[in-house]
PDB file of N, CA and C in Angstrom:
ATOM      1  N   MET A   1      27.881 -22.979  27.593  1.00  0.00           N
ATOM      2  CA  MET A   1      27.771 -21.878  26.680  1.00  0.00           C
ATOM      3  C   MET A   1      28.305 -20.624  27.382  1.00  0.00           C
ATOM      4  N   ILE A   2      28.967 -19.775  26.636  1.00  0.00           N
ATOM      5  CA  ILE A   2      29.505 -18.541  27.197  1.00  0.00           C
ATOM      6  C   ILE A   2      28.549 -17.395  26.876  1.00  0.00           C
ATOM      7  N   TYR A   3      28.135 -16.686  27.904  1.00  0.00           N
ATOM      8  CA  TYR A   3      27.251 -15.534  27.755  1.00  0.00           C
ATOM      9  C   TYR A   3      28.024 -14.271  28.113  1.00  0.00           C
ATOM     10  N   THR A   4      27.776 -13.207  27.369  1.00  0.00           N
ATOM     11  CA  THR A   4      28.421 -11.923  27.625  1.00  0.00           C
ATOM     12  C   THR A   4      27.384 -10.960  28.174  1.00  0.00           C
ATOM     13  N   PHE A   5      27.752 -10.275  29.253  1.00  0.00           N
ATOM     14  CA  PHE A   5      26.838  -9.356  29.924  1.00  0.00           C
ATOM     15  C   PHE A   5      27.511  -8.003  30.130  1.00  0.00           C
ATOM     16  N   LEU A   6      26.692  -6.960  30.193  1.00  0.00           N
ATOM     17  CA  LEU A   6      27.130  -5.636  30.594  1.00  0.00           C
ATOM     18  C   LEU A   6      26.675  -5.436  32.025  1.00  0.00           C
ATOM     19  N   ASN A   7      27.617  -5.179  32.924  1.00  0.00           N
ATOM     20  CA  ASN A   7      27.286  -4.905  34.315  1.00  0.00           C
ATOM     21  C   ASN A   7      26.856  -3.438  34.382  1.00  0.00           C
ATOM     22  N   THR A   8      25.580  -3.189  34.670  1.00  0.00           N
ATOM     23  CA  THR A   8      25.052  -1.818  34.660  1.00  0.00           C
ATOM     24  C   THR A   8      25.555  -0.996  35.846  1.00  0.00           C
ATOM     25  N   GLU A   9      26.103  -1.654  36.861  1.00  0.00           N
ATOM     26  CA  GLU A   9      26.650  -0.925  38.013  1.00  0.00           C
ATOM     27  C   GLU A   9      28.072  -0.435  37.748  1.00  0.00           C
ATOM     28  N   THR A  10      28.878  -1.255  37.062  1.00  0.00           N
ATOM     29  CA  THR A  10      30.281  -0.909  36.831  1.00  0.00           C
ATOM     30  C   THR A  10      30.564  -0.521  35.374  1.00  0.00           C
ATOM     31  N   GLN A  11      29.591  -0.749  34.480  1.00  0.00           N
ATOM     32  CA  GLN A  11      29.740  -0.510  33.040  1.00  0.00           C
ATOM     33  C   GLN A  11      30.857  -1.350  32.414  1.00  0.00           C
ATOM     34  N   LYS A  12      31.134  -2.507  33.022  1.00  0.00           N
ATOM     35  CA  LYS A  12      32.155  -3.406  32.486  1.00  0.00           C
ATOM     36  C   LYS A  12      31.482  -4.605  31.830  1.00  0.00           C
ATOM     37  N   ILE A  13      32.157  -5.158  30.838  1.00  0.00           N
ATOM     38  CA  ILE A  13      31.686  -6.352  30.138  1.00  0.00           C
ATOM     39  C   ILE A  13      32.190  -7.578  30.892  1.00  0.00           C
ATOM     40  N   GLU A  14      31.280  -8.522  31.134  1.00  0.00           N
ATOM     41  CA  GLU A  14      31.630  -9.754  31.846  1.00  0.00           C
ATOM     42  C   GLU A  14      31.189 -10.959  31.024  1.00  0.00           C
ATOM     43  N   GLU A  15      31.957 -12.029  31.108  1.00  0.00           N
ATOM     44  CA  GLU A  15      31.581 -13.289  30.477  1.00  0.00           C
ATOM     45  C   GLU A  15      31.318 -14.322  31.559  1.00  0.00           C
ATOM     46  N   HIS A  16      30.233 -15.069  31.393  1.00  0.00           N
ATOM     47  CA  HIS A  16      29.874 -16.126  32.334  1.00  0.00           C
ATOM     48  C   HIS A  16      29.560 -17.390  31.549  1.00  0.00           C
ATOM     49  N   THR A  17      30.081 -18.503  32.047  1.00  0.00           N
ATOM     50  CA  THR A  17      29.841 -19.794  31.417  1.00  0.00           C
ATOM     51  C   THR A  17      28.786 -20.539  32.220  1.00  0.00           C
ATOM     52  N   MET A  18      27.760 -21.002  31.512  1.00  0.00           N
ATOM     53  CA  MET A  18      26.681 -21.751  32.170  1.00  0.00           C
ATOM     54  C   MET A  18      25.915 -22.548  31.124  1.00  0.00           C
ATOM     55  N   ARG A  19      25.116 -23.453  31.604  1.00  0.00           N
ATOM     56  CA  ARG A  19      24.231 -24.195  30.715  1.00  0.00           C
ATOM     57  C   ARG A  19      23.042 -23.309  30.347  1.00  0.00           C
ATOM     58  N   MET A  20      22.439 -23.592  29.214  1.00  0.00           N
ATOM     59  CA  MET A  20      21.264 -22.826  28.807  1.00  0.00           C
ATOM     60  C   MET A  20      20.153 -22.949  29.846  1.00  0.00           C
ATOM     61  N   SER A  21      20.050 -24.106  30.448  1.00  0.00           N
ATOM     62  CA  SER A  21      19.005 -24.332  31.447  1.00  0.00           C
ATOM     63  C   SER A  21      19.227 -23.510  32.717  1.00  0.00           C
ATOM     64  N   GLU A  22      20.442 -23.040  32.940  1.00  0.00           N
ATOM     65  CA  GLU A  22      20.763 -22.247  34.127  1.00  0.00           C
ATOM     66  C   GLU A  22      20.594 -20.747  33.897  1.00  0.00           C
ATOM     67  N   TYR A  23      20.414 -20.342  32.652  1.00  0.00           N
ATOM     68  CA  TYR A  23      20.397 -18.925  32.288  1.00  0.00           C
ATOM     69  C   TYR A  23      19.305 -18.132  33.018  1.00  0.00           C
ATOM     70  N   ASP A  24      18.074 -18.620  33.037  1.00  0.00           N
ATOM     71  CA  ASP A  24      16.963 -17.880  33.660  1.00  0.00           C
ATOM     72  C   ASP A  24      17.196 -17.654  35.158  1.00  0.00           C
ATOM     73  N   VAL A  25      17.677 -18.667  35.855  1.00  0.00           N
ATOM     74  CA  VAL A  25      17.948 -18.531  37.288  1.00  0.00           C
ATOM     75  C   VAL A  25      19.080 -17.521  37.507  1.00  0.00           C
ATOM     76  N   PHE A  26      20.108 -17.598  36.669  1.00  0.00           N
ATOM     77  CA  PHE A  26      21.227 -16.660  36.767  1.00  0.00           C
ATOM     78  C   PHE A  26      20.750 -15.226  36.578  1.00  0.00           C
ATOM     79  N   LYS A  27      19.904 -14.985  35.575  1.00  0.00           N
ATOM     80  CA  LYS A  27      19.393 -13.644  35.308  1.00  0.00           C
ATOM     81  C   LYS A  27      18.553 -13.126  36.475  1.00  0.00           C
ATOM     82  N   ASP A  28      17.765 -14.002  37.088  1.00  0.00           N
ATOM     83  CA  ASP A  28      16.951 -13.596  38.242  1.00  0.00           C
ATOM     84  C   ASP A  28      17.821 -13.192  39.432  1.00  0.00           C
ATOM     85  N   LYS A  29      18.939 -13.891  39.614  1.00  0.00           N
ATOM     86  CA  LYS A  29      19.832 -13.600  40.732  1.00  0.00           C
ATOM     87  C   LYS A  29      20.755 -12.409  40.461  1.00  0.00           C
ATOM     88  N   ASN A  30      20.876 -12.000  39.194  1.00  0.00           N
ATOM     89  CA  ASN A  30      21.796 -10.922  38.809  1.00  0.00           C
ATOM     90  C   ASN A  30      21.074  -9.888  37.942  1.00  0.00           C
ATOM     91  N   PRO A  31      20.139  -9.137  38.511  1.00  0.00           N
ATOM     92  CA  PRO A  31      19.376  -8.180  37.703  1.00  0.00           C
ATOM     93  C   PRO A  31      20.228  -7.013  37.184  1.00  0.00           C
ATOM     94  N   HIS A  32      21.410  -6.817  37.754  1.00  0.00           N
ATOM     95  CA  HIS A  32      22.299  -5.735  37.314  1.00  0.00           C
ATOM     96  C   HIS A  32      23.071  -6.088  36.044  1.00  0.00           C
ATOM     97  N   LEU A  33      22.922  -7.331  35.558  1.00  0.00           N
ATOM     98  CA  LEU A  33      23.604  -7.749  34.342  1.00  0.00           C
ATOM     99  C   LEU A  33      22.612  -7.770  33.181  1.00  0.00           C
ATOM    100  N   GLU A  34      22.992  -7.126  32.090  1.00  0.00           N
ATOM    101  CA  GLU A  34      22.189  -7.127  30.871  1.00  0.00           C
ATOM    102  C   GLU A  34      22.947  -7.875  29.798  1.00  0.00           C
ATOM    103  N   ARG A  35      22.229  -8.649  29.001  1.00  0.00           N
ATOM    104  CA  ARG A  35      22.865  -9.383  27.909  1.00  0.00           C
ATOM    105  C   ARG A  35      23.520  -8.395  26.964  1.00  0.00           C
ATOM    106  N   TYR A  36      24.745  -8.669  26.559  1.00  0.00           N
ATOM    107  CA  TYR A  36      25.517  -7.745  25.724  1.00  0.00           C
ATOM    108  C   TYR A  36      25.969  -8.454  24.455  1.00  0.00           C
ATOM    109  N   HIS A  37      25.790  -7.757  23.338  1.00  0.00           N
ATOM    110  CA  HIS A  37      26.291  -8.246  22.056  1.00  0.00           C
ATOM    111  C   HIS A  37      27.217  -7.182  21.490  1.00  0.00           C
ATOM    112  N   GLU A  38      28.387  -7.590  21.105  1.00  0.00           N
ATOM    113  CA  GLU A  38      29.386  -6.674  20.571  1.00  0.00           C
ATOM    114  C   GLU A  38      28.815  -5.922  19.365  1.00  0.00           C
ATOM    115  N   PRO A  39      29.010  -4.609  19.291  1.00  0.00           N
ATOM    116  CA  PRO A  39      28.483  -3.846  18.155  1.00  0.00           C
ATOM    117  C   PRO A  39      28.991  -4.400  16.821  1.00  0.00           C
ATOM    118  N   GLY A  40      28.081  -4.552  15.890  1.00  0.00           N
ATOM    119  CA  GLY A  40      28.450  -5.091  14.588  1.00  0.00           C
ATOM    120  C   GLY A  40      28.450  -6.601  14.529  1.00  0.00           C
ATOM    121  N   ARG A  41      28.314  -7.237  15.682  1.00  0.00           N
ATOM    122  CA  ARG A  41      28.279  -8.706  15.726  1.00  0.00           C
ATOM    123  C   ARG A  41      27.096  -9.138  16.555  1.00  0.00           C
ATOM    124  N   GLY A  42      26.027  -9.501  15.897  1.00  0.00           N
ATOM    125  CA  GLY A  42      24.874 -10.008  16.616  1.00  0.00           C
ATOM    126  C   GLY A  42      25.020 -11.485  16.878  1.00  0.00           C
ATOM    127  N   PRO A  43      24.099 -12.039  17.609  1.00  0.00           N
ATOM    128  CA  PRO A  43      24.156 -13.482  17.833  1.00  0.00           C
ATOM    129  C   PRO A  43      23.902 -14.235  16.535  1.00  0.00           C
ATOM    130  N   ALA A  44      24.457 -15.424  16.423  1.00  0.00           N
ATOM    131  CA  ALA A  44      24.263 -16.227  15.222  1.00  0.00           C
ATOM    132  C   ALA A  44      22.803 -16.653  15.127  1.00  0.00           C
ATOM    133  N   MET A  45      22.221 -16.409  13.982  1.00  0.00           N
ATOM    134  CA  MET A  45      20.811 -16.739  13.786  1.00  0.00           C
ATOM    135  C   MET A  45      20.648 -17.489  12.466  1.00  0.00           C
ATOM    136  N   GLY A  46      20.482 -18.766  12.528  1.00  0.00           N
ATOM    137  CA  GLY A  46      20.170 -19.517  11.325  1.00  0.00           C
ATOM    138  C   GLY A  46      21.356 -20.252  10.719  1.00  0.00           C
ATOM    139  N   ASP A  47      21.026 -21.069   9.774  1.00  0.00           N
ATOM    140  CA  ASP A  47      21.976 -21.915   9.077  1.00  0.00           C
ATOM    141  C   ASP A  47      22.481 -21.173   7.844  1.00  0.00           C
ATOM    142  N   SER A  48      23.772 -21.043   7.685  1.00  0.00           N
ATOM    143  CA  SER A  48      24.324 -20.274   6.564  1.00  0.00           C
ATOM    144  C   SER A  48      23.961 -20.882   5.209  1.00  0.00           C
ATOM    145  N   VAL A  49      23.790 -22.199   5.138  1.00  0.00           N
ATOM    146  CA  VAL A  49      23.400 -22.829   3.873  1.00  0.00           C
ATOM    147  C   VAL A  49      21.950 -22.477   3.555  1.00  0.00           C
ATOM    148  N   ARG A  50      21.065 -22.596   4.535  1.00  0.00           N
ATOM    149  CA  ARG A  50      19.655 -22.275   4.299  1.00  0.00           C
ATOM    150  C   ARG A  50      19.431 -20.801   4.028  1.00  0.00           C
ATOM    151  N   LEU A  51      20.261 -19.945   4.601  1.00  0.00           N
ATOM    152  CA  LEU A  51      20.143 -18.512   4.362  1.00  0.00           C
ATOM    153  C   LEU A  51      20.735 -18.099   3.020  1.00  0.00           C
ATOM    154  N   GLY A  52      21.410 -19.019   2.351  1.00  0.00           N
ATOM    155  CA  GLY A  52      21.982 -18.724   1.043  1.00  0.00           C
ATOM    156  C   GLY A  52      23.331 -18.037   1.106  1.00  0.00           C
ATOM    157  N   ILE A  53      23.945 -18.014   2.269  1.00  0.00           N
ATOM    158  CA  ILE A  53      25.252 -17.373   2.414  1.00  0.00           C
ATOM    159  C   ILE A  53      26.344 -18.246   1.798  1.00  0.00           C
ATOM    160  N   ARG A  54      26.210 -19.539   1.967  1.00  0.00           N
ATOM    161  CA  ARG A  54      27.168 -20.452   1.353  1.00  0.00           C
ATOM    162  C   ARG A  54      26.421 -21.668   0.818  1.00  0.00           C
ATOM    163  N   ARG A  55      27.025 -22.335  -0.133  1.00  0.00           N
ATOM    164  CA  ARG A  55      26.408 -23.509  -0.755  1.00  0.00           C
ATOM    165  C   ARG A  55      26.849 -24.777  -0.016  1.00  0.00           C
ATOM    166  N   PRO A  56      26.012 -25.812  -0.064  1.00  0.00           N
ATOM    167  CA  PRO A  56      26.435 -27.085   0.532  1.00  0.00           C
ATOM    168  C   PRO A  56      27.660 -27.624  -0.215  1.00  0.00           C
ATOM    169  N   ASP A  57      28.509 -28.353   0.480  1.00  0.00           N
ATOM    170  CA  ASP A  57      29.698 -28.885  -0.177  1.00  0.00           C
ATOM    171  C   ASP A  57      29.320 -29.944  -1.208  1.00  0.00           C
ATOM    172  N   THR A  58      30.253 -30.293  -2.075  1.00  0.00           N
ATOM    173  CA  THR A  58      29.968 -31.210  -3.185  1.00  0.00           C
ATOM    174  C   THR A  58      29.601 -32.609  -2.694  1.00  0.00           C
ATOM    175  N   GLY A  59      30.153 -33.022  -1.575  1.00  0.00           N
ATOM    176  CA  GLY A  59      29.812 -34.341  -1.033  1.00  0.00           C
ATOM    177  C   GLY A  59      28.339 -34.431  -0.663  1.00  0.00           C
ATOM    178  N   PHE A  60      27.812 -33.375  -0.058  1.00  0.00           N
ATOM    179  CA  PHE A  60      26.401 -33.362   0.319  1.00  0.00           C
ATOM    180  C   PHE A  60      25.525 -33.286  -0.924  1.00  0.00           C
ATOM    181  N   GLN A  61      25.929 -32.515  -1.918  1.00  0.00           N
ATOM    182  CA  GLN A  61      25.164 -32.426  -3.158  1.00  0.00           C
ATOM    183  C   GLN A  61      25.113 -33.779  -3.863  1.00  0.00           C
ATOM    184  N   GLU A  62      26.201 -34.525  -3.771  1.00  0.00           N
ATOM    185  CA  GLU A  62      26.238 -35.864  -4.364  1.00  0.00           C
ATOM    186  C   GLU A  62      25.241 -36.788  -3.668  1.00  0.00           C
ATOM    187  N   VAL A  63      25.171 -36.709  -2.354  1.00  0.00           N
ATOM    188  CA  VAL A  63      24.211 -37.511  -1.591  1.00  0.00           C
ATOM    189  C   VAL A  63      22.786 -37.155  -2.004  1.00  0.00           C
ATOM    190  N   LEU A  64      22.503 -35.869  -2.141  1.00  0.00           N
ATOM    191  CA  LEU A  64      21.173 -35.441  -2.566  1.00  0.00           C
ATOM    192  C   LEU A  64      20.830 -35.964  -3.954  1.00  0.00           C
ATOM    193  N   SER A  65      21.800 -35.963  -4.851  1.00  0.00           N
ATOM    194  CA  SER A  65      21.578 -36.478  -6.206  1.00  0.00           C
ATOM    195  C   SER A  65      21.247 -37.959  -6.184  1.00  0.00           C
ATOM    196  N   LYS A  66      21.959 -38.716  -5.343  1.00  0.00           N
ATOM    197  CA  LYS A  66      21.681 -40.154  -5.234  1.00  0.00           C
ATOM    198  C   LYS A  66      20.283 -40.400  -4.682  1.00  0.00           C
ATOM    199  N   ILE A  67      19.879 -39.604  -3.703  1.00  0.00           N
ATOM    200  CA  ILE A  67      18.529 -39.739  -3.138  1.00  0.00           C
ATOM    201  C   ILE A  67      17.498 -39.406  -4.196  1.00  0.00           C
ATOM    202  N   ALA A  68      17.729 -38.334  -4.947  1.00  0.00           N
ATOM    203  CA  ALA A  68      16.791 -37.930  -5.996  1.00  0.00           C
ATOM    204  C   ALA A  68      16.676 -39.003  -7.074  1.00  0.00           C
ATOM    205  N   ASN A  69      17.795 -39.618  -7.453  1.00  0.00           N
ATOM    206  CA  ASN A  69      17.766 -40.666  -8.477  1.00  0.00           C
ATOM    207  C   ASN A  69      17.014 -41.901  -7.995  1.00  0.00           C
ATOM    208  N   ALA A  70      17.144 -42.223  -6.721  1.00  0.00           N
ATOM    209  CA  ALA A  70      16.472 -43.397  -6.172  1.00  0.00           C
ATOM    210  C   ALA A  70      14.987 -43.134  -5.922  1.00  0.00           C
ATOM    211  N   ASN A  71      14.598 -41.879  -5.806  1.00  0.00           N
ATOM    212  CA  ASN A  71      13.209 -41.503  -5.535  1.00  0.00           C
ATOM    213  C   ASN A  71      12.756 -40.488  -6.583  1.00  0.00           C
ATOM    214  N   TYR A  72      12.622 -40.961  -7.807  1.00  0.00           N
ATOM    215  CA  TYR A  72      12.386 -40.054  -8.928  1.00  0.00           C
ATOM    216  C   TYR A  72      11.063 -39.291  -8.843  1.00  0.00           C
ATOM    217  N   LYS A  73      10.123 -39.722  -7.999  1.00  0.00           N
ATOM    218  CA  LYS A  73       8.838 -39.013  -7.864  1.00  0.00           C
ATOM    219  C   LYS A  73       8.862 -37.965  -6.749  1.00  0.00           C
ATOM    220  N   SER A  74       9.991 -37.815  -6.078  1.00  0.00           N
ATOM    221  CA  SER A  74      10.054 -36.888  -4.950  1.00  0.00           C
ATOM    222  C   SER A  74      10.223 -35.439  -5.409  1.00  0.00           C
ATOM    223  N   ASN A  75       9.921 -34.505  -4.524  1.00  0.00           N
ATOM    224  CA  ASN A  75      10.116 -33.087  -4.806  1.00  0.00           C
ATOM    225  C   ASN A  75      11.598 -32.751  -4.935  1.00  0.00           C
ATOM    226  N   LEU A  76      12.441 -33.555  -4.343  1.00  0.00           N
ATOM    227  CA  LEU A  76      13.873 -33.307  -4.391  1.00  0.00           C
ATOM    228  C   LEU A  76      14.384 -33.337  -5.828  1.00  0.00           C
ATOM    229  N   THR A  77      13.822 -34.224  -6.637  1.00  0.00           N
ATOM    230  CA  THR A  77      14.222 -34.306  -8.048  1.00  0.00           C
ATOM    231  C   THR A  77      13.946 -32.984  -8.745  1.00  0.00           C
ATOM    232  N   ASP A  78      12.770 -32.392  -8.482  1.00  0.00           N
ATOM    233  CA  ASP A  78      12.428 -31.104  -9.092  1.00  0.00           C
ATOM    234  C   ASP A  78      13.371 -30.001  -8.624  1.00  0.00           C
ATOM    235  N   LYS A  79      13.665 -29.987  -7.337  1.00  0.00           N
ATOM    236  CA  LYS A  79      14.532 -28.940  -6.795  1.00  0.00           C
ATOM    237  C   LYS A  79      15.937 -29.028  -7.369  1.00  0.00           C
ATOM    238  N   LEU A  80      16.479 -30.234  -7.516  1.00  0.00           N
ATOM    239  CA  LEU A  80      17.830 -30.389  -8.027  1.00  0.00           C
ATOM    240  C   LEU A  80      17.903 -30.087  -9.525  1.00  0.00           C
ATOM    241  N   SER A  81      16.834 -30.340 -10.256  1.00  0.00           N
ATOM    242  CA  SER A  81      16.858 -30.088 -11.688  1.00  0.00           C
ATOM    243  C   SER A  81      16.785 -28.594 -12.000  1.00  0.00           C
ATOM    244  N   ARG A  82      16.342 -27.763 -11.046  1.00  0.00           N
ATOM    245  CA  ARG A  82      16.260 -26.314 -11.246  1.00  0.00           C
ATOM    246  C   ARG A  82      17.618 -25.631 -11.160  1.00  0.00           C
ATOM    247  N   ARG A  83      18.606 -26.278 -10.595  1.00  0.00           N
ATOM    248  CA  ARG A  83      19.915 -25.650 -10.380  1.00  0.00           C
ATOM    249  C   ARG A  83      20.654 -25.446 -11.648  1.00  0.00           C
TER     250      ARG A  83
END
């Protein structure tokens, strides 16, 4: 994963590649680096389909319909009929 940091000593933006599991050790060894997010662009948070930003594609909707038809007593049937 690529992490972006602001070097508080030089005021320069730096990118470092590391595993998520290495992040805490890296931060402890580099206290002069602060996590940096570009203005206007925050970190990605959440699934765009669940957030309602975009709809699932038609292939996935077809799969859901087949599941709902095979399990007519499920809550999925109610959810799909509301659309």
